[in-house]
Full PDB file with SEQRES, HELIX, SHEET, SSBOND, CRYST1, ORIGX, SCALE, CONECT and MASTER records, all heavy atoms in Angstrom:
SEQRES   1 A   33  ALA GLY ARG VAL ALA ALA ALA THR THR GLU ALA ALA TYR          
SEQRES   2 A   33  THR GLN ALA ARG GLY ALA VAL VAL ALA PHE LEU ASP GLU          
SEQRES   3 A   33  LEU ASP ALA ARG LEU ALA ASP                                  
HELIX    1 AA1 GLY A    2  ALA A    6  1                                   5    
HELIX    2 AA2 GLU A   10  ARG A   30  1                                  21    
CRYST1    1.000    1.000    1.000  90.00  90.00  90.00 P 1           1          
ORIGX1      1.000000  0.000000  0.000000        0.00000                         
ORIGX2      0.000000  1.000000  0.000000        0.00000                         
ORIGX3      0.000000  0.000000  1.000000        0.00000                         
SCALE1      1.000000  0.000000  0.000000        0.00000                         
SCALE2      0.000000  1.000000  0.000000        0.00000                         
SCALE3      0.000000  0.000000  1.000000        0.00000                         
ATOM      1  N   ALA A   1     111.957-118.182 -34.077  1.00  0.00           N  
ATOM      2  CA  ALA A   1     112.702-118.671 -32.918  1.00  0.00           C  
ATOM      3  C   ALA A   1     112.151-120.003 -32.438  1.00  0.00           C  
ATOM      4  O   ALA A   1     112.908-120.922 -32.109  1.00  0.00           O  
ATOM      5  CB  ALA A   1     112.664-117.634 -31.795  1.00  0.00           C  
ATOM      6  N   GLY A   2     110.829-120.116 -32.412  1.00  0.00           N  
ATOM      7  CA  GLY A   2     110.228-121.378 -31.999  1.00  0.00           C  
ATOM      8  C   GLY A   2     110.577-122.517 -32.928  1.00  0.00           C  
ATOM      9  O   GLY A   2     110.822-123.647 -32.484  1.00  0.00           O  
ATOM     10  N   ARG A   3     110.624-122.224 -34.226  1.00  0.00           N  
ATOM     11  CA  ARG A   3     110.936-123.274 -35.196  1.00  0.00           C  
ATOM     12  C   ARG A   3     112.410-123.698 -35.087  1.00  0.00           C  
ATOM     13  O   ARG A   3     112.725-124.885 -35.163  1.00  0.00           O  
ATOM     14  CB  ARG A   3     110.610-122.785 -36.603  1.00  0.00           C  
ATOM     15  CG  ARG A   3     110.657-123.865 -37.667  1.00  0.00           C  
ATOM     16  CD  ARG A   3     109.875-123.495 -38.908  1.00  0.00           C  
ATOM     17  NE  ARG A   3     110.126-122.148 -39.356  1.00  0.00           N  
ATOM     18  CZ  ARG A   3     109.276-121.125 -39.207  1.00  0.00           C  
ATOM     19  NH1 ARG A   3     108.123-121.316 -38.598  1.00  0.00           N  
ATOM     20  NH2 ARG A   3     109.569-119.919 -39.656  1.00  0.00           N  
ATOM     21  N   VAL A   4     113.307-122.734 -34.900  1.00  0.00           N  
ATOM     22  CA  VAL A   4     114.727-123.068 -34.738  1.00  0.00           C  
ATOM     23  C   VAL A   4     114.922-123.871 -33.457  1.00  0.00           C  
ATOM     24  O   VAL A   4     115.627-124.891 -33.439  1.00  0.00           O  
ATOM     25  CB  VAL A   4     115.585-121.788 -34.721  1.00  0.00           C  
ATOM     26  CG1 VAL A   4     117.039-122.132 -34.406  1.00  0.00           C  
ATOM     27  CG2 VAL A   4     115.501-121.062 -36.062  1.00  0.00           C  
ATOM     28  N   ALA A   5     114.292-123.430 -32.377  1.00  0.00           N  
ATOM     29  CA  ALA A   5     114.437-124.126 -31.100  1.00  0.00           C  
ATOM     30  C   ALA A   5     113.880-125.540 -31.147  1.00  0.00           C  
ATOM     31  O   ALA A   5     114.358-126.427 -30.436  1.00  0.00           O  
ATOM     32  CB  ALA A   5     113.751-123.328 -29.997  1.00  0.00           C  
ATOM     33  N   ALA A   6     112.862-125.756 -31.989  1.00  0.00           N  
ATOM     34  CA  ALA A   6     112.208-127.067 -32.052  1.00  0.00           C  
ATOM     35  C   ALA A   6     112.949-128.070 -32.932  1.00  0.00           C  
ATOM     36  O   ALA A   6     112.583-129.248 -32.969  1.00  0.00           O  
ATOM     37  CB  ALA A   6     110.773-126.908 -32.563  1.00  0.00           C  
ATOM     38  N   ALA A   7     113.975-127.621 -33.648  1.00  0.00           N  
ATOM     39  CA  ALA A   7     114.718-128.537 -34.519  1.00  0.00           C  
ATOM     40  C   ALA A   7     115.348-129.656 -33.691  1.00  0.00           C  
ATOM     41  O   ALA A   7     115.962-129.406 -32.656  1.00  0.00           O  
ATOM     42  CB  ALA A   7     115.801-127.773 -35.277  1.00  0.00           C  
ATOM     43  N   THR A   8     115.201-130.873 -34.156  1.00  0.00           N  
ATOM     44  CA  THR A   8     115.681-132.035 -33.391  1.00  0.00           C  
ATOM     45  C   THR A   8     116.956-132.653 -33.962  1.00  0.00           C  
ATOM     46  O   THR A   8     117.512-133.578 -33.365  1.00  0.00           O  
ATOM     47  CB  THR A   8     114.592-133.118 -33.326  1.00  0.00           C  
ATOM     48  OG1 THR A   8     114.211-133.481 -34.655  1.00  0.00           O  
ATOM     49  CG2 THR A   8     113.376-132.607 -32.567  1.00  0.00           C  
ATOM     50  N   THR A   9     117.403-132.169 -35.122  1.00  0.00           N  
ATOM     51  CA  THR A   9     118.659-132.655 -35.689  1.00  0.00           C  
ATOM     52  C   THR A   9     119.525-131.460 -36.064  1.00  0.00           C  
ATOM     53  O   THR A   9     119.022-130.343 -36.278  1.00  0.00           O  
ATOM     54  CB  THR A   9     118.424-133.498 -36.957  1.00  0.00           C  
ATOM     55  OG1 THR A   9     117.900-132.656 -37.997  1.00  0.00           O  
ATOM     56  CG2 THR A   9     117.451-134.638 -36.672  1.00  0.00           C  
ATOM     57  N   GLU A  10     120.815-131.694 -36.155  1.00  0.00           N  
ATOM     58  CA  GLU A  10     121.728-130.608 -36.512  1.00  0.00           C  
ATOM     59  C   GLU A  10     121.417-130.076 -37.901  1.00  0.00           C  
ATOM     60  O   GLU A  10     121.475-128.862 -38.135  1.00  0.00           O  
ATOM     61  CB  GLU A  10     123.172-131.096 -36.438  1.00  0.00           C  
ATOM     62  CG  GLU A  10     124.182-129.996 -36.716  1.00  0.00           C  
ATOM     63  CD  GLU A  10     125.612-130.444 -36.511  1.00  0.00           C  
ATOM     64  OE1 GLU A  10     125.835-131.638 -36.204  1.00  0.00           O  
ATOM     65  OE2 GLU A  10     126.518-129.597 -36.643  1.00  0.00           O  
ATOM     66  N   ALA A  11     121.057-130.949 -38.832  1.00  0.00           N  
ATOM     67  CA  ALA A  11     120.755-130.508 -40.201  1.00  0.00           C  
ATOM     68  C   ALA A  11     119.528-129.607 -40.222  1.00  0.00           C  
ATOM     69  O   ALA A  11     119.515-128.555 -40.880  1.00  0.00           O  
ATOM     70  CB  ALA A  11     120.545-131.720 -41.106  1.00  0.00           C  
ATOM     71  N   ALA A  12     118.468-130.012 -39.505  1.00  0.00           N  
ATOM     72  CA  ALA A  12     117.247-129.204 -39.472  1.00  0.00           C  
ATOM     73  C   ALA A  12     117.503-127.873 -38.779  1.00  0.00           C  
ATOM     74  O   ALA A  12     117.002-126.824 -39.206  1.00  0.00           O  
ATOM     75  CB  ALA A  12     116.136-129.966 -38.756  1.00  0.00           C  
ATOM     76  N   TYR A  13     118.295-127.902 -37.730  1.00  0.00           N  
ATOM     77  CA  TYR A  13     118.637-126.682 -36.995  1.00  0.00           C  
ATOM     78  C   TYR A  13     119.433-125.723 -37.880  1.00  0.00           C  
ATOM     79  O   TYR A  13     119.144-124.519 -37.947  1.00  0.00           O  
ATOM     80  CB  TYR A  13     119.425-127.071 -35.754  1.00  0.00           C  
ATOM     81  CG  TYR A  13     120.161-125.949 -35.071  1.00  0.00           C  
ATOM     82  CD1 TYR A  13     119.476-124.965 -34.349  1.00  0.00           C  
ATOM     83  CD2 TYR A  13     121.559-125.878 -35.117  1.00  0.00           C  
ATOM     84  CE1 TYR A  13     120.153-123.943 -33.709  1.00  0.00           C  
ATOM     85  CE2 TYR A  13     122.247-124.866 -34.473  1.00  0.00           C  
ATOM     86  CZ  TYR A  13     121.551-123.899 -33.771  1.00  0.00           C  
ATOM     87  OH  TYR A  13     122.223-122.884 -33.133  1.00  0.00           O  
ATOM     88  N   THR A  14     120.429-126.242 -38.581  1.00  0.00           N  
ATOM     89  CA  THR A  14     121.261-125.408 -39.444  1.00  0.00           C  
ATOM     90  C   THR A  14     120.444-124.773 -40.550  1.00  0.00           C  
ATOM     91  O   THR A  14     120.597-123.579 -40.868  1.00  0.00           O  
ATOM     92  CB  THR A  14     122.403-126.247 -40.044  1.00  0.00           C  
ATOM     93  OG1 THR A  14     123.198-126.776 -38.991  1.00  0.00           O  
ATOM     94  CG2 THR A  14     123.270-125.412 -40.970  1.00  0.00           C  
ATOM     95  N   GLN A  15     119.538-125.553 -41.133  1.00  0.00           N  
ATOM     96  CA  GLN A  15     118.694-125.019 -42.198  1.00  0.00           C  
ATOM     97  C   GLN A  15     117.749-123.948 -41.661  1.00  0.00           C  
ATOM     98  O   GLN A  15     117.572-122.885 -42.285  1.00  0.00           O  
ATOM     99  CB  GLN A  15     117.881-126.147 -42.837  1.00  0.00           C  
ATOM    100  CG  GLN A  15     116.984-125.681 -43.972  1.00  0.00           C  
ATOM    101  CD  GLN A  15     116.227-126.840 -44.616  1.00  0.00           C  
ATOM    102  OE1 GLN A  15     116.160-127.932 -44.074  1.00  0.00           O  
ATOM    103  NE2 GLN A  15     115.661-126.592 -45.781  1.00  0.00           N  
ATOM    104  N   ALA A  16     117.135-124.197 -40.516  1.00  0.00           N  
ATOM    105  CA  ALA A  16     116.157-123.267 -39.963  1.00  0.00           C  
ATOM    106  C   ALA A  16     116.809-121.947 -39.574  1.00  0.00           C  
ATOM    107  O   ALA A  16     116.304-120.870 -39.896  1.00  0.00           O  
ATOM    108  CB  ALA A  16     115.456-123.893 -38.759  1.00  0.00           C  
ATOM    109  N   ARG A  17     117.931-122.023 -38.895  1.00  0.00           N  
ATOM    110  CA  ARG A  17     118.549-120.769 -38.463  1.00  0.00           C  
ATOM    111  C   ARG A  17     119.182-120.022 -39.651  1.00  0.00           C  
ATOM    112  O   ARG A  17     119.186-118.786 -39.681  1.00  0.00           O  
ATOM    113  CB  ARG A  17     119.562-121.014 -37.349  1.00  0.00           C  
ATOM    114  CG  ARG A  17     120.921-121.528 -37.725  1.00  0.00           C  
ATOM    115  CD  ARG A  17     121.779-121.730 -36.469  1.00  0.00           C  
ATOM    116  NE  ARG A  17     123.181-121.994 -36.765  1.00  0.00           N  
ATOM    117  CZ  ARG A  17     124.111-121.048 -36.868  1.00  0.00           C  
ATOM    118  NH1 ARG A  17     123.780-119.790 -36.704  1.00  0.00           N  
ATOM    119  NH2 ARG A  17     125.363-121.370 -37.120  1.00  0.00           N  
ATOM    120  N   GLY A  18     119.640-120.770 -40.647  1.00  0.00           N  
ATOM    121  CA  GLY A  18     120.182-120.133 -41.838  1.00  0.00           C  
ATOM    122  C   GLY A  18     119.141-119.323 -42.581  1.00  0.00           C  
ATOM    123  O   GLY A  18     119.423-118.228 -43.095  1.00  0.00           O  
ATOM    124  N   ALA A  19     117.895-119.835 -42.625  1.00  0.00           N  
ATOM    125  CA  ALA A  19     116.812-119.117 -43.289  1.00  0.00           C  
ATOM    126  C   ALA A  19     116.487-117.813 -42.562  1.00  0.00           C  
ATOM    127  O   ALA A  19     116.195-116.787 -43.195  1.00  0.00           O  
ATOM    128  CB  ALA A  19     115.572-120.007 -43.361  1.00  0.00           C  
ATOM    129  N   VAL A  20     116.546-117.834 -41.244  1.00  0.00           N  
ATOM    130  CA  VAL A  20     116.265-116.626 -40.465  1.00  0.00           C  
ATOM    131  C   VAL A  20     117.358-115.581 -40.686  1.00  0.00           C  
ATOM    132  O   VAL A  20     117.072-114.403 -40.929  1.00  0.00           O  
ATOM    133  CB  VAL A  20     116.137-116.955 -38.964  1.00  0.00           C  
ATOM    134  CG1 VAL A  20     115.899-115.676 -38.160  1.00  0.00           C  
ATOM    135  CG2 VAL A  20     115.020-117.944 -38.724  1.00  0.00           C  
ATOM    136  N   VAL A  21     118.602-115.985 -40.603  1.00  0.00           N  
ATOM    137  CA  VAL A  21     119.707-115.051 -40.789  1.00  0.00           C  
ATOM    138  C   VAL A  21     119.679-114.464 -42.204  1.00  0.00           C  
ATOM    139  O   VAL A  21     119.925-113.264 -42.395  1.00  0.00           O  
ATOM    140  CB  VAL A  21     121.056-115.734 -40.505  1.00  0.00           C  
ATOM    141  CG1 VAL A  21     122.222-114.804 -40.856  1.00  0.00           C  
ATOM    142  CG2 VAL A  21     121.142-116.152 -39.038  1.00  0.00           C  
ATOM    143  N   ALA A  22     119.364-115.293 -43.192  1.00  0.00           N  
ATOM    144  CA  ALA A  22     119.268-114.788 -44.568  1.00  0.00           C  
ATOM    145  C   ALA A  22     118.180-113.731 -44.681  1.00  0.00           C  
ATOM    146  O   ALA A  22     118.342-112.727 -45.397  1.00  0.00           O  
ATOM    147  CB  ALA A  22     118.994-115.948 -45.526  1.00  0.00           C  
ATOM    148  N   PHE A  23     117.067-113.935 -43.983  1.00  0.00           N  
ATOM    149  CA  PHE A  23     115.973-112.959 -44.022  1.00  0.00           C  
ATOM    150  C   PHE A  23     116.388-111.664 -43.330  1.00  0.00           C  
ATOM    151  O   PHE A  23     116.088-110.567 -43.816  1.00  0.00           O  
ATOM    152  CB  PHE A  23     114.729-113.546 -43.366  1.00  0.00           C  
ATOM    153  CG  PHE A  23     113.504-112.685 -43.490  1.00  0.00           C  
ATOM    154  CD1 PHE A  23     113.010-112.320 -44.729  1.00  0.00           C  
ATOM    155  CD2 PHE A  23     112.836-112.234 -42.355  1.00  0.00           C  
ATOM    156  CE1 PHE A  23     111.876-111.525 -44.852  1.00  0.00           C  
ATOM    157  CE2 PHE A  23     111.694-111.450 -42.463  1.00  0.00           C  
ATOM    158  CZ  PHE A  23     111.220-111.095 -43.712  1.00  0.00           C  
ATOM    159  N   LEU A  24     117.098-111.763 -42.222  1.00  0.00           N  
ATOM    160  CA  LEU A  24     117.582-110.559 -41.545  1.00  0.00           C  
ATOM    161  C   LEU A  24     118.546-109.792 -42.446  1.00  0.00           C  
ATOM    162  O   LEU A  24     118.513-108.554 -42.508  1.00  0.00           O  
ATOM    163  CB  LEU A  24     118.260-110.931 -40.231  1.00  0.00           C  
ATOM    164  CG  LEU A  24     117.361-111.528 -39.147  1.00  0.00           C  
ATOM    165  CD1 LEU A  24     118.190-111.906 -37.922  1.00  0.00           C  
ATOM    166  CD2 LEU A  24     116.239-110.566 -38.759  1.00  0.00           C  
ATOM    167  N   ASP A  25     119.425-110.515 -43.149  1.00  0.00           N  
ATOM    168  CA  ASP A  25     120.331-109.856 -44.098  1.00  0.00           C  
ATOM    169  C   ASP A  25     119.545-109.166 -45.217  1.00  0.00           C  
ATOM    170  O   ASP A  25     119.882-108.055 -45.641  1.00  0.00           O  
ATOM    171  CB  ASP A  25     121.296-110.875 -44.708  1.00  0.00           C  
ATOM    172  CG  ASP A  25     122.492-111.163 -43.822  1.00  0.00           C  
ATOM    173  OD1 ASP A  25     122.932-110.247 -43.104  1.00  0.00           O  
ATOM    174  OD2 ASP A  25     122.991-112.304 -43.843  1.00  0.00           O  
ATOM    175  N   GLU A  26     118.486-109.831 -45.686  1.00  0.00           N  
ATOM    176  CA  GLU A  26     117.649-109.244 -46.734  1.00  0.00           C  
ATOM    177  C   GLU A  26     116.980-107.960 -46.246  1.00  0.00           C  
ATOM    178  O   GLU A  26     116.954-106.942 -46.960  1.00  0.00           O  
ATOM    179  CB  GLU A  26     116.586-110.261 -47.155  1.00  0.00           C  
ATOM    180  CG  GLU A  26     115.600-109.737 -48.188  1.00  0.00           C  
ATOM    181  CD  GLU A  26     114.443-110.701 -48.422  1.00  0.00           C  
ATOM    182  OE1 GLU A  26     114.659-111.925 -48.325  1.00  0.00           O  
ATOM    183  OE2 GLU A  26     113.321-110.226 -48.698  1.00  0.00           O  
ATOM    184  N   LEU A  27     116.467-107.984 -45.043  1.00  0.00           N  
ATOM    185  CA  LEU A  27     115.830-106.788 -44.487  1.00  0.00           C  
ATOM    186  C   LEU A  27     116.851-105.675 -44.275  1.00  0.00           C  
ATOM    187  O   LEU A  27     116.561-104.492 -44.517  1.00  0.00           O  
ATOM    188  CB  LEU A  27     115.138-107.121 -43.166  1.00  0.00           C  
ATOM    189  CG  LEU A  27     113.931-108.051 -43.245  1.00  0.00           C  
ATOM    190  CD1 LEU A  27     113.442-108.385 -41.845  1.00  0.00           C  
ATOM    191  CD2 LEU A  27     112.799-107.424 -44.058  1.00  0.00           C  
ATOM    192  N   ASP A  28     118.032-106.048 -43.820  1.00  0.00           N  
ATOM    193  CA  ASP A  28     119.082-105.055 -43.610  1.00  0.00           C  
ATOM    194  C   ASP A  28     119.421-104.346 -44.921  1.00  0.00           C  
ATOM    195  O   ASP A  28     119.554-103.114 -44.961  1.00  0.00           O  
ATOM    196  CB  ASP A  28     120.317-105.744 -43.036  1.00  0.00           C  
ATOM    197  CG  ASP A  28     121.345-104.766 -42.530  1.00  0.00           C  
ATOM    198  OD1 ASP A  28     121.045-104.032 -41.565  1.00  0.00           O  
ATOM    199  OD2 ASP A  28     122.458-104.715 -43.103  1.00  0.00           O  
ATOM    200  N   ALA A  29     119.540-105.111 -45.997  1.00  0.00           N  
ATOM    201  CA  ALA A  29     119.824-104.518 -47.306  1.00  0.00           C  
ATOM    202  C   ALA A  29     118.652-103.665 -47.786  1.00  0.00           C  
ATOM    203  O   ALA A  29     118.851-102.588 -48.370  1.00  0.00           O  
ATOM    204  CB  ALA A  29     120.123-105.615 -48.317  1.00  0.00           C  
ATOM    205  N   ARG A  30     117.433-104.112 -47.550  1.00  0.00           N  
ATOM    206  CA  ARG A  30     116.238-103.371 -47.968  1.00  0.00           C  
ATOM    207  C   ARG A  30     116.197-101.989 -47.310  1.00  0.00           C  
ATOM    208  O   ARG A  30     115.763-101.003 -47.918  1.00  0.00           O  
ATOM    209  CB  ARG A  30     115.000-104.177 -47.602  1.00  0.00           C  
ATOM    210  CG  ARG A  30     113.672-103.546 -47.999  1.00  0.00           C  
ATOM    211  CD  ARG A  30     112.499-104.345 -47.453  1.00  0.00           C  
ATOM    212  NE  ARG A  30     111.209-103.821 -47.883  1.00  0.00           N  
ATOM    213  CZ  ARG A  30     110.393-104.394 -48.761  1.00  0.00           C  
ATOM    214  NH1 ARG A  30     110.735-105.553 -49.312  1.00  0.00           N  
ATOM    215  NH2 ARG A  30     109.243-103.831 -49.098  1.00  0.00           N  
ATOM    216  N   LEU A  31     116.651-101.930 -46.051  1.00  0.00           N  
ATOM    217  CA  LEU A  31     116.560-100.685 -45.292  1.00  0.00           C  
ATOM    218  C   LEU A  31     117.744 -99.757 -45.519  1.00  0.00           C  
ATOM    219  O   LEU A  31     117.818 -98.687 -44.913  1.00  0.00           O  
ATOM    220  CB  LEU A  31     116.432-101.023 -43.802  1.00  0.00           C  
ATOM    221  CG  LEU A  31     115.089-101.645 -43.414  1.00  0.00           C  
ATOM    222  CD1 LEU A  31     115.191-102.330 -42.062  1.00  0.00           C  
ATOM    223  CD2 LEU A  31     113.987-100.595 -43.412  1.00  0.00           C  
ATOM    224  N   ALA A  32     118.653-100.131 -46.404  1.00  0.00           N  
ATOM    225  CA  ALA A  32     119.808 -99.283 -46.677  1.00  0.00           C  
ATOM    226  C   ALA A  32     119.411 -97.977 -47.348  1.00  0.00           C  
ATOM    227  O   ALA A  32     120.063 -96.944 -47.144  1.00  0.00           O  
ATOM    228  CB  ALA A  32     120.820-100.028 -47.550  1.00  0.00           C  
ATOM    229  N   ASP A  33     118.340 -97.996 -48.149  1.00  0.00           N  
ATOM    230  CA  ASP A  33     117.966 -96.789 -48.891  1.00  0.00           C  
ATOM    231  C   ASP A  33     116.528 -96.350 -48.639  1.00  0.00           C  
ATOM    232  O   ASP A  33     115.953 -95.610 -49.424  1.00  0.00           O  
ATOM    233  CB  ASP A  33     118.178 -97.009 -50.392  1.00  0.00           C  
ATOM    234  CG  ASP A  33     117.308 -98.129 -50.954  1.00  0.00           C  
ATOM    235  OD1 ASP A  33     116.598 -98.792 -50.163  1.00  0.00           O  
ATOM    236  OD2 ASP A  33     117.334 -98.334 -52.182  1.00  0.00           O  
TER     237      ASP A  33                                                      
MASTER        0    0    0    2    0    0    0    6  236    1    0    3          
END                                                                             
């Protein structure tokens, strides 16, 4: 959250938050079974 909030450009922000959401999706899939 701190890294996403600290992004100073739209590109950096999009990349940072995309990495977090991808990790949450990965964890969600991991916990399916």
